[in-house]
PDB file of N, CA and C in Angstrom:
ATOM      1  N   UNK A   1      20.420   0.474  30.852  1.00  0.00           N
ATOM      2  CA  UNK A   1      21.450   1.222  30.526  1.00  0.00           C
ATOM      3  C   UNK A   1      22.356  -0.115  29.854  1.00  0.00           C
ATOM      4  N   UNK A   2      23.309   0.778  28.731  1.00  0.00           N
ATOM      5  CA  UNK A   2      24.244  -0.182  27.718  1.00  0.00           C
ATOM      6  C   UNK A   2      25.262  -0.837  28.623  1.00  0.00           C
ATOM      7  N   UNK A   3      25.823  -1.921  28.343  1.00  0.00           N
ATOM      8  CA  UNK A   3      26.875  -2.451  29.242  1.00  0.00           C
ATOM      9  C   UNK A   3      28.265  -1.782  28.317  1.00  0.00           C
ATOM     10  N   UNK A   4      29.355  -1.464  28.984  1.00  0.00           N
ATOM     11  CA  UNK A   4      30.423  -0.646  28.834  1.00  0.00           C
ATOM     12  C   UNK A   4      31.414  -2.044  27.749  1.00  0.00           C
ATOM     13  N   UNK A   5      31.621  -1.317  26.791  1.00  0.00           N
ATOM     14  CA  UNK A   5      32.591  -2.730  25.831  1.00  0.00           C
ATOM     15  C   UNK A   5      33.780  -2.343  26.317  1.00  0.00           C
ATOM     16  N   UNK A   6      34.080  -1.490  26.884  1.00  0.00           N
ATOM     17  CA  UNK A   6      36.085  -1.675  27.493  1.00  0.00           C
ATOM     18  C   UNK A   6      35.640  -1.155  29.037  1.00  0.00           C
ATOM     19  N   UNK A   7      36.587  -2.103  29.909  1.00  0.00           N
ATOM     20  CA  UNK A   7      36.595  -1.437  31.203  1.00  0.00           C
ATOM     21  C   UNK A   7      37.707  -0.273  31.394  1.00  0.00           C
ATOM     22  N   UNK A   8      37.460   0.415  32.249  1.00  0.00           N
ATOM     23  CA  UNK A   8      38.368   1.497  32.656  1.00  0.00           C
ATOM     24  C   UNK A   8      39.959   1.513  32.037  1.00  0.00           C
ATOM     25  N   UNK A   9      40.185  -0.115  32.658  1.00  0.00           N
ATOM     26  CA  UNK A   9      41.777  -0.177  33.181  1.00  0.00           C
ATOM     27  C   UNK A   9      42.396  -0.476  31.409  1.00  0.00           C
ATOM     28  N   UNK A  10      41.275  -1.240  30.553  1.00  0.00           N
ATOM     29  CA  UNK A  10      41.569  -1.549  28.741  1.00  0.00           C
ATOM     30  C   UNK A  10      41.956   0.069  28.502  1.00  0.00           C
ATOM     31  N   UNK A  11      40.590   1.150  28.700  1.00  0.00           N
ATOM     32  CA  UNK A  11      40.896   2.329  28.029  1.00  0.00           C
ATOM     33  C   UNK A  11      42.035   3.240  28.410  1.00  0.00           C
ATOM     34  N   UNK A  12      42.776   2.590  29.774  1.00  0.00           N
ATOM     35  CA  UNK A  12      43.192   3.683  30.397  1.00  0.00           C
ATOM     36  C   UNK A  12      44.726   2.926  29.483  1.00  0.00           C
ATOM     37  N   UNK A  13      45.002   1.780  29.051  1.00  0.00           N
ATOM     38  CA  UNK A  13      46.113   1.238  28.483  1.00  0.00           C
ATOM     39  C   UNK A  13      45.923   1.651  27.260  1.00  0.00           C
ATOM     40  N   UNK A  14      44.660   1.940  26.558  1.00  0.00           N
ATOM     41  CA  UNK A  14      44.591   2.089  24.766  1.00  0.00           C
ATOM     42  C   UNK A  14      45.455   3.707  24.974  1.00  0.00           C
ATOM     43  N   UNK A  15      44.806   4.264  26.039  1.00  0.00           N
ATOM     44  CA  UNK A  15      45.022   5.805  25.993  1.00  0.00           C
ATOM     45  C   UNK A  15      46.634   6.068  26.040  1.00  0.00           C
ATOM     46  N   UNK A  16      47.112   5.610  26.938  1.00  0.00           N
ATOM     47  CA  UNK A  16      48.775   5.521  27.014  1.00  0.00           C
ATOM     48  C   UNK A  16      49.867   5.494  25.934  1.00  0.00           C
ATOM     49  N   UNK A  17      49.110   4.063  25.092  1.00  0.00           N
ATOM     50  CA  UNK A  17      49.540   3.830  23.742  1.00  0.00           C
ATOM     51  C   UNK A  17      49.578   5.014  22.969  1.00  0.00           C
ATOM     52  N   UNK A  18      48.391   5.548  22.781  1.00  0.00           N
ATOM     53  CA  UNK A  18      48.107   6.742  21.810  1.00  0.00           C
ATOM     54  C   UNK A  18      49.088   8.055  22.353  1.00  0.00           C
ATOM     55  N   UNK A  19      48.559   7.825  23.640  1.00  0.00           N
ATOM     56  CA  UNK A  19      49.270   9.460  24.125  1.00  0.00           C
ATOM     57  C   UNK A  19      50.815   9.248  24.117  1.00  0.00           C
ATOM     58  N   UNK A  20      51.643   8.209  24.320  1.00  0.00           N
ATOM     59  CA  UNK A  20      53.026   8.245  24.383  1.00  0.00           C
ATOM     60  C   UNK A  20      53.664   8.641  23.371  1.00  0.00           C
ATOM     61  N   UNK A  21      53.561   9.041  22.236  1.00  0.00           N
ATOM     62  CA  UNK A  21      54.315   9.701  21.399  1.00  0.00           C
ATOM     63  C   UNK A  21      54.110  11.148  21.716  1.00  0.00           C
ATOM     64  N   UNK A  22      53.584  11.321  22.786  1.00  0.00           N
ATOM     65  CA  UNK A  22      53.655  13.281  23.203  1.00  0.00           C
ATOM     66  C   UNK A  22      54.480  13.049  24.446  1.00  0.00           C
ATOM     67  N   UNK A  23      55.246  12.122  24.941  1.00  0.00           N
ATOM     68  CA  UNK A  23      56.161  12.071  25.649  1.00  0.00           C
ATOM     69  C   UNK A  23      57.277  12.257  25.864  1.00  0.00           C
ATOM     70  N   UNK A  24      57.993  12.029  24.641  1.00  0.00           N
ATOM     71  CA  UNK A  24      59.040  12.145  24.032  1.00  0.00           C
ATOM     72  C   UNK A  24      59.668  13.612  24.064  1.00  0.00           C
ATOM     73  N   UNK A  25      59.276  14.581  22.753  1.00  0.00           N
ATOM     74  CA  UNK A  25      59.539  15.559  22.761  1.00  0.00           C
ATOM     75  C   UNK A  25      58.529  16.179  23.342  1.00  0.00           C
ATOM     76  N   UNK A  26      58.418  17.747  23.764  1.00  0.00           N
ATOM     77  CA  UNK A  26      57.432  18.562  23.743  1.00  0.00           C
ATOM     78  C   UNK A  26      56.338  18.501  22.374  1.00  0.00           C
ATOM     79  N   UNK A  27      55.528  18.912  22.541  1.00  0.00           N
ATOM     80  CA  UNK A  27      54.170  18.971  21.424  1.00  0.00           C
ATOM     81  C   UNK A  27      54.520  20.405  21.208  1.00  0.00           C
ATOM     82  N   UNK A  28      54.654  20.885  19.452  1.00  0.00           N
ATOM     83  CA  UNK A  28      54.957  22.050  18.902  1.00  0.00           C
ATOM     84  C   UNK A  28      53.475  22.798  18.560  1.00  0.00           C
ATOM     85  N   UNK A  29      54.013  24.250  18.641  1.00  0.00           N
ATOM     86  CA  UNK A  29      52.389  24.196  17.936  1.00  0.00           C
ATOM     87  C   UNK A  29      52.647  24.528  16.395  1.00  0.00           C
ATOM     88  N   UNK A  30      51.126  23.740  16.234  1.00  0.00           N
ATOM     89  CA  UNK A  30      50.650  24.300  14.446  1.00  0.00           C
ATOM     90  C   UNK A  30      51.217  25.680  14.329  1.00  0.00           C
ATOM     91  N   UNK A  31      51.800  25.979  13.553  1.00  0.00           N
ATOM     92  CA  UNK A  31      51.669  27.358  12.685  1.00  0.00           C
ATOM     93  C   UNK A  31      51.977  27.228  11.118  1.00  0.00           C
ATOM     94  N   UNK A  32      50.611  28.064  10.160  1.00  0.00           N
ATOM     95  CA  UNK A  32      51.025  27.844   9.225  1.00  0.00           C
ATOM     96  C   UNK A  32      51.136  26.291   8.300  1.00  0.00           C
ATOM     97  N   UNK A  33      50.579  25.262   8.861  1.00  0.00           N
ATOM     98  CA  UNK A  33      50.911  24.001   8.767  1.00  0.00           C
ATOM     99  C   UNK A  33      52.001  23.370   8.838  1.00  0.00           C
ATOM    100  N   UNK A  34      53.019  24.642   9.790  1.00  0.00           N
ATOM    101  CA  UNK A  34      54.357  24.121  10.319  1.00  0.00           C
ATOM    102  C   UNK A  34      54.194  23.432  11.892  1.00  0.00           C
ATOM    103  N   UNK A  35      54.745  22.773  11.916  1.00  0.00           N
ATOM    104  CA  UNK A  35      54.980  22.141  13.715  1.00  0.00           C
ATOM    105  C   UNK A  35      56.337  23.173  14.007  1.00  0.00           C
ATOM    106  N   UNK A  36      56.038  23.653  15.065  1.00  0.00           N
ATOM    107  CA  UNK A  36      57.513  25.004  14.956  1.00  0.00           C
ATOM    108  C   UNK A  36      57.364  24.743  16.863  1.00  0.00           C
ATOM    109  N   UNK A  37      58.364  25.058  17.437  1.00  0.00           N
ATOM    110  CA  UNK A  37      58.546  24.951  19.005  1.00  0.00           C
ATOM    111  C   UNK A  37      57.783  26.494  19.254  1.00  0.00           C
ATOM    112  N   UNK A  38      58.120  26.797  20.534  1.00  0.00           N
ATOM    113  CA  UNK A  38      57.643  27.925  20.763  1.00  0.00           C
ATOM    114  C   UNK A  38      58.795  28.898  20.592  1.00  0.00           C
ATOM    115  N   UNK A  39      58.739  29.854  20.067  1.00  0.00           N
ATOM    116  CA  UNK A  39      59.821  31.142  19.904  1.00  0.00           C
ATOM    117  C   UNK A  39      60.838  31.353  21.213  1.00  0.00           C
ATOM    118  N   UNK A  40      60.407  30.958  22.528  1.00  0.00           N
ATOM    119  CA  UNK A  40      61.074  31.275  23.484  1.00  0.00           C
ATOM    120  C   UNK A  40      62.079  29.922  24.356  1.00  0.00           C
ATOM    121  N   UNK A  41      61.384  28.911  23.453  1.00  0.00           N
ATOM    122  CA  UNK A  41      62.132  27.644  24.202  1.00  0.00           C
ATOM    123  C   UNK A  41      61.478  27.410  24.827  1.00  0.00           C
ATOM    124  N   UNK A  42      60.553  27.835  25.755  1.00  0.00           N
ATOM    125  CA  UNK A  42      59.970  27.378  27.273  1.00  0.00           C
ATOM    126  C   UNK A  42      58.555  26.243  27.225  1.00  0.00           C
ATOM    127  N   UNK A  43      58.381  25.722  27.830  1.00  0.00           N
ATOM    128  CA  UNK A  43      57.911  24.333  27.721  1.00  0.00           C
ATOM    129  C   UNK A  43      56.857  24.292  28.957  1.00  0.00           C
ATOM    130  N   UNK A  44      55.474  23.689  29.159  1.00  0.00           N
ATOM    131  CA  UNK A  44      55.060  23.100  30.217  1.00  0.00           C
ATOM    132  C   UNK A  44      54.373  22.397  30.499  1.00  0.00           C
ATOM    133  N   UNK A  45      54.538  21.314  31.737  1.00  0.00           N
ATOM    134  CA  UNK A  45      54.238  19.963  31.811  1.00  0.00           C
ATOM    135  C   UNK A  45      52.565  19.778  31.863  1.00  0.00           C
ATOM    136  N   UNK A  46      52.248  18.997  30.467  1.00  0.00           N
ATOM    137  CA  UNK A  46      50.828  18.849  30.276  1.00  0.00           C
ATOM    138  C   UNK A  46      50.084  17.447  31.542  1.00  0.00           C
ATOM    139  N   UNK A  47      49.502  17.419  32.208  1.00  0.00           N
ATOM    140  CA  UNK A  47      49.138  16.574  33.484  1.00  0.00           C
ATOM    141  C   UNK A  47      47.729  15.823  33.175  1.00  0.00           C
ATOM    142  N   UNK A  48      47.558  14.649  33.312  1.00  0.00           N
ATOM    143  CA  UNK A  48      46.204  13.870  33.262  1.00  0.00           C
ATOM    144  C   UNK A  48      45.147  14.841  34.686  1.00  0.00           C
ATOM    145  N   UNK A  49      43.923  14.943  33.982  1.00  0.00           N
ATOM    146  CA  UNK A  49      42.988  15.474  34.673  1.00  0.00           C
ATOM    147  C   UNK A  49      42.243  14.419  35.851  1.00  0.00           C
ATOM    148  N   UNK A  50      42.851  13.059  35.477  1.00  0.00           N
ATOM    149  CA  UNK A  50      42.060  11.997  35.621  1.00  0.00           C
ATOM    150  C   UNK A  50      43.412  11.251  37.035  1.00  0.00           C
ATOM    151  N   UNK A  51      44.528  11.371  36.766  1.00  0.00           N
ATOM    152  CA  UNK A  51      45.007  10.916  38.104  1.00  0.00           C
ATOM    153  C   UNK A  51      46.570  11.839  38.589  1.00  0.00           C
ATOM    154  N   UNK A  52      46.316  12.832  37.549  1.00  0.00           N
ATOM    155  CA  UNK A  52      47.334  13.606  37.430  1.00  0.00           C
ATOM    156  C   UNK A  52      48.915  13.433  37.235  1.00  0.00           C
ATOM    157  N   UNK A  53      48.540  12.584  36.380  1.00  0.00           N
ATOM    158  CA  UNK A  53      50.078  11.876  36.102  1.00  0.00           C
ATOM    159  C   UNK A  53      50.554  12.682  34.992  1.00  0.00           C
ATOM    160  N   UNK A  54      51.653  13.229  34.905  1.00  0.00           N
ATOM    161  CA  UNK A  54      52.165  13.662  33.513  1.00  0.00           C
ATOM    162  C   UNK A  54      52.177  12.848  32.014  1.00  0.00           C
ATOM    163  N   UNK A  55      51.390  13.828  31.043  1.00  0.00           N
ATOM    164  CA  UNK A  55      51.391  12.961  29.713  1.00  0.00           C
ATOM    165  C   UNK A  55      52.583  13.399  28.478  1.00  0.00           C
ATOM    166  N   UNK A  56      53.255  14.770  28.946  1.00  0.00           N
ATOM    167  CA  UNK A  56      54.234  15.083  28.800  1.00  0.00           C
ATOM    168  C   UNK A  56      54.187  16.814  28.551  1.00  0.00           C
ATOM    169  N   UNK A  57      55.445  17.358  28.110  1.00  0.00           N
ATOM    170  CA  UNK A  57      55.829  18.802  27.506  1.00  0.00           C
ATOM    171  C   UNK A  57      54.914  19.175  26.227  1.00  0.00           C
ATOM    172  N   UNK A  58      54.448  20.609  26.916  1.00  0.00           N
ATOM    173  CA  UNK A  58      53.719  21.282  25.405  1.00  0.00           C
ATOM    174  C   UNK A  58      54.708  22.588  25.352  1.00  0.00           C
ATOM    175  N   UNK A  59      54.640  23.170  24.214  1.00  0.00           N
ATOM    176  CA  UNK A  59      55.461  24.196  24.112  1.00  0.00           C
ATOM    177  C   UNK A  59      54.592  25.536  24.412  1.00  0.00           C
ATOM    178  N   UNK A  60      55.323  26.382  25.020  1.00  0.00           N
ATOM    179  CA  UNK A  60      54.444  27.184  25.745  1.00  0.00           C
ATOM    180  C   UNK A  60      54.169  28.674  24.797  1.00  0.00           C
ATOM    181  N   UNK A  61      53.415  29.053  24.460  1.00  0.00           N
ATOM    182  CA  UNK A  61      53.529  29.898  23.805  1.00  0.00           C
ATOM    183  C   UNK A  61      52.930  31.752  24.238  1.00  0.00           C
ATOM    184  N   UNK A  62      53.976  32.646  23.280  1.00  0.00           N
ATOM    185  CA  UNK A  62      53.931  33.821  23.763  1.00  0.00           C
ATOM    186  C   UNK A  62      53.306  34.589  22.963  1.00  0.00           C
ATOM    187  N   UNK A  63      53.827  36.021  22.961  1.00  0.00           N
ATOM    188  CA  UNK A  63      53.537  36.693  21.706  1.00  0.00           C
ATOM    189  C   UNK A  63      53.929  36.860  20.702  1.00  0.00           C
ATOM    190  N   UNK A  64      55.351  36.258  20.564  1.00  0.00           N
ATOM    191  CA  UNK A  64      55.914  36.272  19.088  1.00  0.00           C
ATOM    192  C   UNK A  64      55.226  35.100  18.561  1.00  0.00           C
ATOM    193  N   UNK A  65      54.852  33.985  19.457  1.00  0.00           N
ATOM    194  CA  UNK A  65      53.692  32.805  18.693  1.00  0.00           C
ATOM    195  C   UNK A  65      52.954  33.187  18.106  1.00  0.00           C
ATOM    196  N   UNK A  66      51.733  34.096  19.302  1.00  0.00           N
ATOM    197  CA  UNK A  66      50.687  33.988  18.906  1.00  0.00           C
ATOM    198  C   UNK A  66      50.451  35.264  17.831  1.00  0.00           C
ATOM    199  N   UNK A  67      51.489  35.982  17.638  1.00  0.00           N
ATOM    200  CA  UNK A  67      51.626  36.722  16.134  1.00  0.00           C
ATOM    201  C   UNK A  67      52.109  35.970  14.897  1.00  0.00           C
ATOM    202  N   UNK A  68      52.983  35.164  14.948  1.00  0.00           N
ATOM    203  CA  UNK A  68      52.985  34.367  13.513  1.00  0.00           C
ATOM    204  C   UNK A  68      51.756  33.532  13.436  1.00  0.00           C
ATOM    205  N   UNK A  69      51.035  32.866  14.543  1.00  0.00           N
ATOM    206  CA  UNK A  69      49.720  32.355  14.183  1.00  0.00           C
ATOM    207  C   UNK A  69      48.826  33.147  13.578  1.00  0.00           C
ATOM    208  N   UNK A  70      48.775  34.350  14.024  1.00  0.00           N
ATOM    209  CA  UNK A  70      47.610  35.592  13.721  1.00  0.00           C
ATOM    210  C   UNK A  70      47.973  35.477  12.258  1.00  0.00           C
ATOM    211  N   UNK A  71      49.376  35.674  11.696  1.00  0.00           N
ATOM    212  CA  UNK A  71      49.518  36.004  10.538  1.00  0.00           C
ATOM    213  C   UNK A  71      49.724  35.170   9.683  1.00  0.00           C
ATOM    214  N   UNK A  72      50.034  34.032   9.874  1.00  0.00           N
ATOM    215  CA  UNK A  72      49.280  32.446   9.417  1.00  0.00           C
ATOM    216  C   UNK A  72      48.040  32.160   9.106  1.00  0.00           C
ATOM    217  N   UNK A  73      46.905  32.804  10.076  1.00  0.00           N
ATOM    218  CA  UNK A  73      45.840  32.468  10.027  1.00  0.00           C
ATOM    219  C   UNK A  73      44.707  33.629   8.798  1.00  0.00           C
ATOM    220  N   UNK A  74      45.719  35.413   8.870  1.00  0.00           N
ATOM    221  CA  UNK A  74      45.041  35.680   8.588  1.00  0.00           C
ATOM    222  C   UNK A  74      45.581  35.533   6.519  1.00  0.00           C
ATOM    223  N   UNK A  75      46.868  34.736   6.455  1.00  0.00           N
ATOM    224  CA  UNK A  75      47.329  34.839   5.056  1.00  0.00           C
ATOM    225  C   UNK A  75      46.300  33.490   4.511  1.00  0.00           C
ATOM    226  N   UNK A  76      45.842  32.568   5.608  1.00  0.00           N
ATOM    227  CA  UNK A  76      44.988  31.566   5.085  1.00  0.00           C
ATOM    228  C   UNK A  76      43.868  32.223   4.760  1.00  0.00           C
ATOM    229  N   UNK A  77      43.452  32.524   5.621  1.00  0.00           N
ATOM    230  CA  UNK A  77      42.235  33.411   5.324  1.00  0.00           C
ATOM    231  C   UNK A  77      41.803  34.336   4.050  1.00  0.00           C
ATOM    232  N   UNK A  78      43.062  34.839   3.866  1.00  0.00           N
ATOM    233  CA  UNK A  78      43.250  35.502   2.065  1.00  0.00           C
ATOM    234  C   UNK A  78      43.416  34.480   1.428  1.00  0.00           C
ATOM    235  N   UNK A  79      43.922  33.468   1.453  1.00  0.00           N
ATOM    236  CA  UNK A  79      43.875  32.333   0.170  1.00  0.00           C
ATOM    237  C   UNK A  79      42.905  31.592   0.031  1.00  0.00           C
ATOM    238  N   UNK A  80      41.869  31.702   0.857  1.00  0.00           N
ATOM    239  CA  UNK A  80      40.748  30.773   1.122  1.00  0.00           C
ATOM    240  C   UNK A  80      39.636  31.888   0.323  1.00  0.00           C
ATOM    241  N   UNK A  81      39.572  32.751   0.628  1.00  0.00           N
ATOM    242  CA  UNK A  81      38.711  33.874  -0.129  1.00  0.00           C
ATOM    243  C   UNK A  81      39.614  33.978  -1.798  1.00  0.00           C
ATOM    244  N   UNK A  82      40.474  33.318  -1.689  1.00  0.00           N
ATOM    245  CA  UNK A  82      40.856  33.354  -3.520  1.00  0.00           C
ATOM    246  C   UNK A  82      40.511  32.334  -4.313  1.00  0.00           C
ATOM    247  N   UNK A  83      40.100  31.081  -3.400  1.00  0.00           N
ATOM    248  CA  UNK A  83      39.906  29.947  -3.926  1.00  0.00           C
ATOM    249  C   UNK A  83      39.002  29.065  -4.293  1.00  0.00           C
ATOM    250  N   UNK A  84      37.978  29.940  -3.162  1.00  0.00           N
ATOM    251  CA  UNK A  84      36.173  29.798  -2.985  1.00  0.00           C
ATOM    252  C   UNK A  84      36.155  28.124  -2.080  1.00  0.00           C
ATOM    253  N   UNK A  85      34.589  28.220  -2.065  1.00  0.00           N
ATOM    254  CA  UNK A  85      34.413  27.566  -1.061  1.00  0.00           C
ATOM    255  C   UNK A  85      34.632  25.654  -1.555  1.00  0.00           C
ATOM    256  N   UNK A  86      34.607  25.328  -2.906  1.00  0.00           N
ATOM    257  CA  UNK A  86      35.103  24.114  -3.208  1.00  0.00           C
ATOM    258  C   UNK A  86      36.134  23.429  -2.878  1.00  0.00           C
ATOM    259  N   UNK A  87      37.248  24.587  -3.155  1.00  0.00           N
ATOM    260  CA  UNK A  87      38.749  24.536  -3.444  1.00  0.00           C
ATOM    261  C   UNK A  87      39.054  24.442  -1.405  1.00  0.00           C
ATOM    262  N   UNK A  88      37.958  25.218  -1.183  1.00  0.00           N
ATOM    263  CA  UNK A  88      38.553  25.455   0.658  1.00  0.00           C
ATOM    264  C   UNK A  88      38.097  24.152   1.370  1.00  0.00           C
ATOM    265  N   UNK A  89      37.075  23.948   0.674  1.00  0.00           N
ATOM    266  CA  UNK A  89      36.537  22.258   1.531  1.00  0.00           C
ATOM    267  C   UNK A  89      37.764  21.305   1.010  1.00  0.00           C
ATOM    268  N   UNK A  90      38.261  21.162   0.117  1.00  0.00           N
ATOM    269  CA  UNK A  90      39.147  20.233  -0.207  1.00  0.00           C
ATOM    270  C   UNK A  90      40.489  20.273   0.475  1.00  0.00           C
ATOM    271  N   UNK A  91      41.062  21.663   0.598  1.00  0.00           N
ATOM    272  CA  UNK A  91      42.151  22.107   1.269  1.00  0.00           C
ATOM    273  C   UNK A  91      41.695  21.833   3.096  1.00  0.00           C
ATOM    274  N   UNK A  92      40.563  22.255   3.301  1.00  0.00           N
ATOM    275  CA  UNK A  92      40.348  22.156   5.074  1.00  0.00           C
ATOM    276  C   UNK A  92      40.570  20.299   5.265  1.00  0.00           C
ATOM    277  N   UNK A  93      39.700  19.705   3.915  1.00  0.00           N
ATOM    278  CA  UNK A  93      40.120  18.135   4.269  1.00  0.00           C
ATOM    279  C   UNK A  93      41.612  17.437   4.239  1.00  0.00           C
ATOM    280  N   UNK A  94      42.405  18.056   3.745  1.00  0.00           N
ATOM    281  CA  UNK A  94      43.673  18.095   4.004  1.00  0.00           C
ATOM    282  C   UNK A  94      44.320  18.231   5.030  1.00  0.00           C
ATOM    283  N   UNK A  95      43.865  19.698   5.465  1.00  0.00           N
ATOM    284  CA  UNK A  95      44.759  19.597   6.572  1.00  0.00           C
ATOM    285  C   UNK A  95      44.652  18.864   8.023  1.00  0.00           C
ATOM    286  N   UNK A  96      43.212  18.148   7.767  1.00  0.00           N
ATOM    287  CA  UNK A  96      42.811  17.226   8.804  1.00  0.00           C
ATOM    288  C   UNK A  96      43.553  15.665   8.600  1.00  0.00           C
ATOM    289  N   UNK A  97      44.473  15.801   7.910  1.00  0.00           N
ATOM    290  CA  UNK A  97      45.198  14.660   7.458  1.00  0.00           C
ATOM    291  C   UNK A  97      46.723  14.926   8.013  1.00  0.00           C
ATOM    292  N   UNK A  98      47.036  16.540   8.322  1.00  0.00           N
ATOM    293  CA  UNK A  98      48.360  16.917   8.746  1.00  0.00           C
ATOM    294  C   UNK A  98      49.310  15.596   9.908  1.00  0.00           C
ATOM    295  N   UNK A  99      50.307  15.234   9.733  1.00  0.00           N
ATOM    296  CA  UNK A  99      50.555  14.346  10.817  1.00  0.00           C
ATOM    297  C   UNK A  99      51.521  15.459  11.600  1.00  0.00           C
ATOM    298  N   UNK A 100      50.894  15.616  13.194  1.00  0.00           N
ATOM    299  CA  UNK A 100      51.751  16.328  13.882  1.00  0.00           C
ATOM    300  C   UNK A 100      53.099  16.388  14.032  1.00  0.00           C
TER     301      UNK A 100
END
């Protein structure tokens, strides 16, 4: 078996640094390429499955949020069908670089 490159404690410390950006403000939805809070402003607490510690708050989606996301997805699909597969691949690459 291969030797682990990092200890559990090292990995946990690194994860804490990366996850800290989610602890200050509730994690919003990404609808139509835009970060938006839940329409109801409700949130829920996201906890670590490892130790139960609080990672941060997440916007709780409701029917209004689902409707907005479905409409944005439908609009995006229609736009993708207009531009063709090569341009769609370029757009997808840009989507991957969006900052939450």
